[in-house]
Amino acid sequence: MGLKKDYLLHLLEGYKKANEFIALEKRKKLSQMTFEDSLHQYDYLCNLYAILEDKRLERLESQKISFLVKRRLALDNAGGIRK
């Protein structure tokens, strides 16, 4: 049991160090960005979000339609309606 705990603590310490390094690199990069760079990055992220949101909505609509069809068939079967 002690070995697993030591391994887990070592792993978590590694994640902590990696997160600190990534945060430092982000701060460096952001401090060096021009206004135009920032605006370009913002536009890129907004467009990416819009694309992903459209795909999520399409998937949700598809799941909703599938659910409604299955429910309709179940109700038809329960009511003795055959097609």
PDB file of N, CA and C in Angstrom:
ATOM      1  N   MET A   1       0.827  -1.193   0.000  1.00  0.00           N
ATOM      2  CA  MET A   1       0.000   0.000   0.000  1.00  0.00           C
ATOM      3  C   MET A   1       0.870   1.255   0.000  1.00  0.00           C
ATOM      4  N   GLY A   2       1.979   1.241   0.736  1.00  0.00           N
ATOM      5  CA  GLY A   2       2.861   2.394   0.831  1.00  0.00           C
ATOM      6  C   GLY A   2       3.477   2.765  -0.500  1.00  0.00           C
ATOM      7  N   LEU A   3       3.790   1.746  -1.323  1.00  0.00           N
ATOM      8  CA  LEU A   3       4.389   1.990  -2.627  1.00  0.00           C
ATOM      9  C   LEU A   3       3.422   2.741  -3.530  1.00  0.00           C
ATOM     10  N   LYS A   4       2.143   2.368  -3.519  1.00  0.00           N
ATOM     11  CA  LYS A   4       1.142   3.044  -4.337  1.00  0.00           C
ATOM     12  C   LYS A   4       0.989   4.500  -3.907  1.00  0.00           C
ATOM     13  N   LYS A   5       0.991   4.738  -2.596  1.00  0.00           N
ATOM     14  CA  LYS A   5       0.851   6.095  -2.080  1.00  0.00           C
ATOM     15  C   LYS A   5       2.062   6.940  -2.491  1.00  0.00           C
ATOM     16  N   ASP A   6       3.262   6.375  -2.371  1.00  0.00           N
ATOM     17  CA  ASP A   6       4.477   7.094  -2.772  1.00  0.00           C
ATOM     18  C   ASP A   6       4.447   7.424  -4.265  1.00  0.00           C
ATOM     19  N   TYR A   7       4.018   6.452  -5.058  1.00  0.00           N
ATOM     20  CA  TYR A   7       3.921   6.659  -6.501  1.00  0.00           C
ATOM     21  C   TYR A   7       2.926   7.774  -6.808  1.00  0.00           C
ATOM     22  N   LEU A   8       1.778   7.755  -6.142  1.00  0.00           N
ATOM     23  CA  LEU A   8       0.754   8.761  -6.368  1.00  0.00           C
ATOM     24  C   LEU A   8       1.259  10.148  -5.970  1.00  0.00           C
ATOM     25  N   LEU A   9       1.925  10.252  -4.828  1.00  0.00           N
ATOM     26  CA  LEU A   9       2.471  11.536  -4.395  1.00  0.00           C
ATOM     27  C   LEU A   9       3.525  12.055  -5.373  1.00  0.00           C
ATOM     28  N   HIS A  10       4.359  11.150  -5.874  1.00  0.00           N
ATOM     29  CA  HIS A  10       5.374  11.520  -6.861  1.00  0.00           C
ATOM     30  C   HIS A  10       4.709  12.007  -8.153  1.00  0.00           C
ATOM     31  N   LEU A  11       3.676  11.314  -8.576  1.00  0.00           N
ATOM     32  CA  LEU A  11       2.941  11.684  -9.783  1.00  0.00           C
ATOM     33  C   LEU A  11       2.302  13.060  -9.620  1.00  0.00           C
ATOM     34  N   LEU A  12       1.672  13.294  -8.481  1.00  0.00           N
ATOM     35  CA  LEU A  12       1.025  14.584  -8.237  1.00  0.00           C
ATOM     36  C   LEU A  12       2.043  15.721  -8.178  1.00  0.00           C
ATOM     37  N   GLU A  13       3.195  15.454  -7.615  1.00  0.00           N
ATOM     38  CA  GLU A  13       4.252  16.467  -7.574  1.00  0.00           C
ATOM     39  C   GLU A  13       4.721  16.802  -8.985  1.00  0.00           C
ATOM     40  N   GLY A  14       4.809  15.786  -9.831  1.00  0.00           N
ATOM     41  CA  GLY A  14       5.178  16.013 -11.232  1.00  0.00           C
ATOM     42  C   GLY A  14       4.149  16.870 -11.951  1.00  0.00           C
ATOM     43  N   TYR A  15       2.864  16.594 -11.722  1.00  0.00           N
ATOM     44  CA  TYR A  15       1.808  17.405 -12.326  1.00  0.00           C
ATOM     45  C   TYR A  15       1.890  18.848 -11.834  1.00  0.00           C
ATOM     46  N   LYS A  16       2.164  19.037 -10.554  1.00  0.00           N
ATOM     47  CA  LYS A  16       2.271  20.380  -9.982  1.00  0.00           C
ATOM     48  C   LYS A  16       3.397  21.156 -10.662  1.00  0.00           C
ATOM     49  N   LYS A  17       4.545  20.513 -10.824  1.00  0.00           N
ATOM     50  CA  LYS A  17       5.680  21.171 -11.470  1.00  0.00           C
ATOM     51  C   LYS A  17       5.381  21.483 -12.938  1.00  0.00           C
ATOM     52  N   ALA A  18       4.733  20.549 -13.621  1.00  0.00           N
ATOM     53  CA  ALA A  18       4.384  20.774 -15.023  1.00  0.00           C
ATOM     54  C   ALA A  18       3.397  21.939 -15.145  1.00  0.00           C
ATOM     55  N   ASN A  19       2.406  21.998 -14.264  1.00  0.00           N
ATOM     56  CA  ASN A  19       1.434  23.091 -14.307  1.00  0.00           C
ATOM     57  C   ASN A  19       2.093  24.436 -14.040  1.00  0.00           C
ATOM     58  N   GLU A  20       3.031  24.473 -13.102  1.00  0.00           N
ATOM     59  CA  GLU A  20       3.757  25.713 -12.814  1.00  0.00           C
ATOM     60  C   GLU A  20       4.566  26.160 -14.030  1.00  0.00           C
ATOM     61  N   PHE A  21       5.215  25.216 -14.692  1.00  0.00           N
ATOM     62  CA  PHE A  21       6.015  25.532 -15.877  1.00  0.00           C
ATOM     63  C   PHE A  21       5.120  26.049 -17.000  1.00  0.00           C
ATOM     64  N   ILE A  22       3.996  25.391 -17.231  1.00  0.00           N
ATOM     65  CA  ILE A  22       3.071  25.812 -18.284  1.00  0.00           C
ATOM     66  C   ILE A  22       2.533  27.213 -17.999  1.00  0.00           C
ATOM     67  N   ALA A  23       2.176  27.489 -16.742  1.00  0.00           N
ATOM     68  CA  ALA A  23       1.663  28.810 -16.369  1.00  0.00           C
ATOM     69  C   ALA A  23       2.726  29.888 -16.622  1.00  0.00           C
ATOM     70  N   LEU A  24       3.976  29.585 -16.297  1.00  0.00           N
ATOM     71  CA  LEU A  24       5.068  30.533 -16.530  1.00  0.00           C
ATOM     72  C   LEU A  24       5.229  30.805 -18.024  1.00  0.00           C
ATOM     73  N   GLU A  25       5.205  29.768 -18.826  1.00  0.00           N
ATOM     74  CA  GLU A  25       5.339  29.927 -20.275  1.00  0.00           C
ATOM     75  C   GLU A  25       4.162  30.734 -20.850  1.00  0.00           C
ATOM     76  N   LYS A  26       2.971  30.505 -20.348  1.00  0.00           N
ATOM     77  CA  LYS A  26       1.805  31.274 -20.812  1.00  0.00           C
ATOM     78  C   LYS A  26       1.977  32.754 -20.480  1.00  0.00           C
ATOM     79  N   ARG A  27       2.432  33.038 -19.252  1.00  0.00           N
ATOM     80  CA  ARG A  27       2.637  34.439 -18.864  1.00  0.00           C
ATOM     81  C   ARG A  27       3.672  35.100 -19.777  1.00  0.00           C
ATOM     82  N   LYS A  28       4.741  34.400 -20.078  1.00  0.00           N
ATOM     83  CA  LYS A  28       5.771  34.953 -20.971  1.00  0.00           C
ATOM     84  C   LYS A  28       5.176  35.253 -22.342  1.00  0.00           C
ATOM     85  N   LYS A  29       4.449  34.271 -22.889  1.00  0.00           N
ATOM     86  CA  LYS A  29       3.882  34.433 -24.229  1.00  0.00           C
ATOM     87  C   LYS A  29       2.871  35.573 -24.263  1.00  0.00           C
ATOM     88  N   LEU A  30       2.001  35.629 -23.267  1.00  0.00           N
ATOM     89  CA  LEU A  30       0.979  36.675 -23.241  1.00  0.00           C
ATOM     90  C   LEU A  30       1.590  38.063 -23.090  1.00  0.00           C
ATOM     91  N   SER A  31       2.653  38.166 -22.306  1.00  0.00           N
ATOM     92  CA  SER A  31       3.283  39.477 -22.100  1.00  0.00           C
ATOM     93  C   SER A  31       3.967  39.986 -23.364  1.00  0.00           C
ATOM     94  N   GLN A  32       4.295  39.092 -24.281  1.00  0.00           N
ATOM     95  CA  GLN A  32       4.983  39.473 -25.514  1.00  0.00           C
ATOM     96  C   GLN A  32       4.025  39.679 -26.689  1.00  0.00           C
ATOM     97  N   MET A  33       2.740  39.391 -26.486  1.00  0.00           N
ATOM     98  CA  MET A  33       1.777  39.517 -27.584  1.00  0.00           C
ATOM     99  C   MET A  33       1.432  40.983 -27.839  1.00  0.00           C
ATOM    100  N   THR A  34       1.310  41.321 -29.123  1.00  0.00           N
ATOM    101  CA  THR A  34       0.854  42.656 -29.478  1.00  0.00           C
ATOM    102  C   THR A  34      -0.672  42.686 -29.417  1.00  0.00           C
ATOM    103  N   PHE A  35      -1.231  43.873 -29.540  1.00  0.00           N
ATOM    104  CA  PHE A  35      -2.683  44.002 -29.573  1.00  0.00           C
ATOM    105  C   PHE A  35      -3.263  43.202 -30.738  1.00  0.00           C
ATOM    106  N   GLU A  36      -2.619  43.278 -31.886  1.00  0.00           N
ATOM    107  CA  GLU A  36      -3.091  42.556 -33.073  1.00  0.00           C
ATOM    108  C   GLU A  36      -3.029  41.044 -32.863  1.00  0.00           C
ATOM    109  N   ASP A  37      -1.945  40.581 -32.228  1.00  0.00           N
ATOM    110  CA  ASP A  37      -1.821  39.149 -31.916  1.00  0.00           C
ATOM    111  C   ASP A  37      -2.968  38.706 -30.997  1.00  0.00           C
ATOM    112  N   SER A  38      -3.235  39.519 -29.992  1.00  0.00           N
ATOM    113  CA  SER A  38      -4.304  39.193 -29.034  1.00  0.00           C
ATOM    114  C   SER A  38      -5.657  39.148 -29.723  1.00  0.00           C
ATOM    115  N   LEU A  39      -5.908  40.129 -30.585  1.00  0.00           N
ATOM    116  CA  LEU A  39      -7.181  40.174 -31.301  1.00  0.00           C
ATOM    117  C   LEU A  39      -7.327  38.982 -32.238  1.00  0.00           C
ATOM    118  N   HIS A  40      -6.250  38.637 -32.905  1.00  0.00           N
ATOM    119  CA  HIS A  40      -6.269  37.469 -33.801  1.00  0.00           C
ATOM    120  C   HIS A  40      -6.558  36.193 -32.998  1.00  0.00           C
ATOM    121  N   GLN A  41      -5.906  36.043 -31.866  1.00  0.00           N
ATOM    122  CA  GLN A  41      -6.116  34.859 -31.022  1.00  0.00           C
ATOM    123  C   GLN A  41      -7.561  34.809 -30.517  1.00  0.00           C
ATOM    124  N   TYR A  42      -8.096  35.947 -30.110  1.00  0.00           N
ATOM    125  CA  TYR A  42      -9.474  36.028 -29.628  1.00  0.00           C
ATOM    126  C   TYR A  42     -10.452  35.617 -30.733  1.00  0.00           C
ATOM    127  N   ASP A  43     -10.264  36.170 -31.939  1.00  0.00           N
ATOM    128  CA  ASP A  43     -11.130  35.811 -33.066  1.00  0.00           C
ATOM    129  C   ASP A  43     -11.052  34.322 -33.378  1.00  0.00           C
ATOM    130  N   TYR A  44      -9.843  33.778 -33.356  1.00  0.00           N
ATOM    131  CA  TYR A  44      -9.649  32.359 -33.624  1.00  0.00           C
ATOM    132  C   TYR A  44     -10.414  31.506 -32.612  1.00  0.00           C
ATOM    133  N   LEU A  45     -10.291  31.845 -31.329  1.00  0.00           N
ATOM    134  CA  LEU A  45     -10.968  31.062 -30.291  1.00  0.00           C
ATOM    135  C   LEU A  45     -12.494  31.188 -30.386  1.00  0.00           C
ATOM    136  N   CYS A  46     -12.980  32.383 -30.711  1.00  0.00           N
ATOM    137  CA  CYS A  46     -14.435  32.561 -30.881  1.00  0.00           C
ATOM    138  C   CYS A  46     -14.949  31.726 -32.042  1.00  0.00           C
ATOM    139  N   ASN A  47     -14.226  31.732 -33.157  1.00  0.00           N
ATOM    140  CA  ASN A  47     -14.636  30.932 -34.317  1.00  0.00           C
ATOM    141  C   ASN A  47     -14.586  29.444 -34.006  1.00  0.00           C
ATOM    142  N   LEU A  48     -13.566  29.028 -33.302  1.00  0.00           N
ATOM    143  CA  LEU A  48     -13.448  27.620 -32.921  1.00  0.00           C
ATOM    144  C   LEU A  48     -14.615  27.208 -32.037  1.00  0.00           C
ATOM    145  N   TYR A  49     -14.958  28.050 -31.074  1.00  0.00           N
ATOM    146  CA  TYR A  49     -16.088  27.758 -30.190  1.00  0.00           C
ATOM    147  C   TYR A  49     -17.384  27.654 -30.987  1.00  0.00           C
ATOM    148  N   ALA A  50     -17.588  28.567 -31.932  1.00  0.00           N
ATOM    149  CA  ALA A  50     -18.812  28.548 -32.735  1.00  0.00           C
ATOM    150  C   ALA A  50     -18.919  27.251 -33.532  1.00  0.00           C
ATOM    151  N   ILE A  51     -17.821  26.807 -34.100  1.00  0.00           N
ATOM    152  CA  ILE A  51     -17.821  25.554 -34.872  1.00  0.00           C
ATOM    153  C   ILE A  51     -18.154  24.380 -33.964  1.00  0.00           C
ATOM    154  N   LEU A  52     -17.502  24.320 -32.813  1.00  0.00           N
ATOM    155  CA  LEU A  52     -17.739  23.211 -31.886  1.00  0.00           C
ATOM    156  C   LEU A  52     -19.163  23.247 -31.351  1.00  0.00           C
ATOM    157  N   GLU A  53     -19.681  24.426 -31.059  1.00  0.00           N
ATOM    158  CA  GLU A  53     -21.039  24.555 -30.530  1.00  0.00           C
ATOM    159  C   GLU A  53     -22.056  24.071 -31.561  1.00  0.00           C
ATOM    160  N   ASP A  54     -21.852  24.419 -32.842  1.00  0.00           N
ATOM    161  CA  ASP A  54     -22.749  23.950 -33.898  1.00  0.00           C
ATOM    162  C   ASP A  54     -22.768  22.425 -33.953  1.00  0.00           C
ATOM    163  N   LYS A  55     -21.598  21.814 -33.842  1.00  0.00           N
ATOM    164  CA  LYS A  55     -21.520  20.349 -33.892  1.00  0.00           C
ATOM    165  C   LYS A  55     -22.212  19.729 -32.685  1.00  0.00           C
ATOM    166  N   ARG A  56     -22.053  20.347 -31.510  1.00  0.00           N
ATOM    167  CA  ARG A  56     -22.729  19.833 -30.316  1.00  0.00           C
ATOM    168  C   ARG A  56     -24.231  19.915 -30.480  1.00  0.00           C
ATOM    169  N   LEU A  57     -24.712  21.020 -31.035  1.00  0.00           N
ATOM    170  CA  LEU A  57     -26.151  21.185 -31.222  1.00  0.00           C
ATOM    171  C   LEU A  57     -26.688  20.174 -32.229  1.00  0.00           C
ATOM    172  N   GLU A  58     -25.930  19.928 -33.298  1.00  0.00           N
ATOM    173  CA  GLU A  58     -26.348  18.936 -34.288  1.00  0.00           C
ATOM    174  C   GLU A  58     -26.463  17.560 -33.641  1.00  0.00           C
ATOM    175  N   ARG A  59     -25.499  17.201 -32.831  1.00  0.00           N
ATOM    176  CA  ARG A  59     -25.502  15.906 -32.156  1.00  0.00           C
ATOM    177  C   ARG A  59     -26.688  15.816 -31.192  1.00  0.00           C
ATOM    178  N   LEU A  60     -26.939  16.903 -30.463  1.00  0.00           N
ATOM    179  CA  LEU A  60     -28.050  16.924 -29.528  1.00  0.00           C
ATOM    180  C   LEU A  60     -29.377  16.788 -30.261  1.00  0.00           C
ATOM    181  N   GLU A  61     -29.532  17.494 -31.384  1.00  0.00           N
ATOM    182  CA  GLU A  61     -30.756  17.391 -32.175  1.00  0.00           C
ATOM    183  C   GLU A  61     -30.955  15.963 -32.675  1.00  0.00           C
ATOM    184  N   SER A  62     -29.872  15.357 -33.131  1.00  0.00           N
ATOM    185  CA  SER A  62     -29.944  13.981 -33.621  1.00  0.00           C
ATOM    186  C   SER A  62     -30.384  13.040 -32.507  1.00  0.00           C
ATOM    187  N   GLN A  63     -29.827  13.214 -31.313  1.00  0.00           N
ATOM    188  CA  GLN A  63     -30.202  12.371 -30.175  1.00  0.00           C
ATOM    189  C   GLN A  63     -31.656  12.606 -29.786  1.00  0.00           C
ATOM    190  N   LYS A  64     -32.092  13.847 -29.850  1.00  0.00           N
ATOM    191  CA  LYS A  64     -33.481  14.175 -29.506  1.00  0.00           C
ATOM    192  C   LYS A  64     -34.442  13.519 -30.490  1.00  0.00           C
ATOM    193  N   ILE A  65     -34.143  13.596 -31.770  1.00  0.00           N
ATOM    194  CA  ILE A  65     -34.990  12.982 -32.793  1.00  0.00           C
ATOM    195  C   ILE A  65     -35.043  11.475 -32.589  1.00  0.00           C
ATOM    196  N   SER A  66     -33.887  10.868 -32.341  1.00  0.00           N
ATOM    197  CA  SER A  66     -33.839   9.425 -32.109  1.00  0.00           C
ATOM    198  C   SER A  66     -34.698   9.040 -30.903  1.00  0.00           C
ATOM    199  N   PHE A  67     -34.596   9.803 -29.825  1.00  0.00           N
ATOM    200  CA  PHE A  67     -35.397   9.532 -28.636  1.00  0.00           C
ATOM    201  C   PHE A  67     -36.889   9.639 -28.947  1.00  0.00           C
ATOM    202  N   LEU A  68     -37.275  10.679 -29.674  1.00  0.00           N
ATOM    203  CA  LEU A  68     -38.699  10.878 -29.987  1.00  0.00           C
ATOM    204  C   LEU A  68     -39.245   9.756 -30.867  1.00  0.00           C
ATOM    205  N   VAL A  69     -38.444   9.307 -31.821  1.00  0.00           N
ATOM    206  CA  VAL A  69     -38.887   8.197 -32.690  1.00  0.00           C
ATOM    207  C   VAL A  69     -39.055   6.929 -31.863  1.00  0.00           C
ATOM    208  N   LYS A  70     -38.085   6.629 -31.005  1.00  0.00           N
ATOM    209  CA  LYS A  70     -38.184   5.426 -30.160  1.00  0.00           C
ATOM    210  C   LYS A  70     -39.390   5.508 -29.234  1.00  0.00           C
ATOM    211  N   ARG A  71     -39.628   6.675 -28.671  1.00  0.00           N
ATOM    212  CA  ARG A  71     -40.782   6.846 -27.785  1.00  0.00           C
ATOM    213  C   ARG A  71     -42.088   6.660 -28.554  1.00  0.00           C
ATOM    214  N   ARG A  72     -42.148   7.223 -29.762  1.00  0.00           N
ATOM    215  CA  ARG A  72     -43.351   7.078 -30.579  1.00  0.00           C
ATOM    216  C   ARG A  72     -43.609   5.605 -30.905  1.00  0.00           C
ATOM    217  N   LEU A  73     -42.559   4.876 -31.255  1.00  0.00           N
ATOM    218  CA  LEU A  73     -42.706   3.450 -31.565  1.00  0.00           C
ATOM    219  C   LEU A  73     -43.162   2.677 -30.329  1.00  0.00           C
ATOM    220  N   ALA A  74     -42.582   3.003 -29.176  1.00  0.00           N
ATOM    221  CA  ALA A  74     -42.976   2.322 -27.938  1.00  0.00           C
ATOM    222  C   ALA A  74     -44.436   2.609 -27.621  1.00  0.00           C
ATOM    223  N   LEU A  75     -44.866   3.841 -27.781  1.00  0.00           N
ATOM    224  CA  LEU A  75     -46.277   4.179 -27.523  1.00  0.00           C
ATOM    225  C   LEU A  75     -47.204   3.507 -28.528  1.00  0.00           C
ATOM    226  N   ASP A  76     -46.776   3.468 -29.787  1.00  0.00           N
ATOM    227  CA  ASP A  76     -47.575   2.781 -30.804  1.00  0.00           C
ATOM    228  C   ASP A  76     -47.718   1.305 -30.469  1.00  0.00           C
ATOM    229  N   ASN A  77     -46.617   0.681 -30.067  1.00  0.00           N
ATOM    230  CA  ASN A  77     -46.662  -0.742 -29.702  1.00  0.00           C
ATOM    231  C   ASN A  77     -47.530  -0.967 -28.474  1.00  0.00           C
ATOM    232  N   ALA A  78     -47.416  -0.071 -27.502  1.00  0.00           N
ATOM    233  CA  ALA A  78     -48.223  -0.218 -26.284  1.00  0.00           C
ATOM    234  C   ALA A  78     -49.709  -0.043 -26.586  1.00  0.00           C
ATOM    235  N   GLY A  79     -50.023   0.807 -27.568  1.00  0.00           N
ATOM    236  CA  GLY A  79     -51.420   1.055 -27.924  1.00  0.00           C
ATOM    237  C   GLY A  79     -51.960   0.074 -28.950  1.00  0.00           C
ATOM    238  N   GLY A  80     -51.138  -0.847 -29.394  1.00  0.00           N
ATOM    239  CA  GLY A  80     -51.582  -1.832 -30.366  1.00  0.00           C
ATOM    240  C   GLY A  80     -51.605  -1.324 -31.790  1.00  0.00           C
ATOM    241  N   ILE A  81     -50.962  -0.204 -32.069  1.00  0.00           N
ATOM    242  CA  ILE A  81     -50.927   0.359 -33.429  1.00  0.00           C
ATOM    243  C   ILE A  81     -49.767  -0.280 -34.182  1.00  0.00           C
ATOM    244  N   ARG A  82     -50.079  -0.878 -35.298  1.00  0.00           N
ATOM    245  CA  ARG A  82     -49.045  -1.522 -36.145  1.00  0.00           C
ATOM    246  C   ARG A  82     -49.018  -0.831 -37.495  1.00  0.00           C
ATOM    247  N   LYS A  83     -47.829  -0.641 -37.999  1.00  0.00           N
ATOM    248  CA  LYS A  83     -47.690  -0.040 -39.327  1.00  0.00           C
ATOM    249  C   LYS A  83     -47.060  -1.008 -40.266  1.00  0.00           C
TER     250      LYS A  83
END
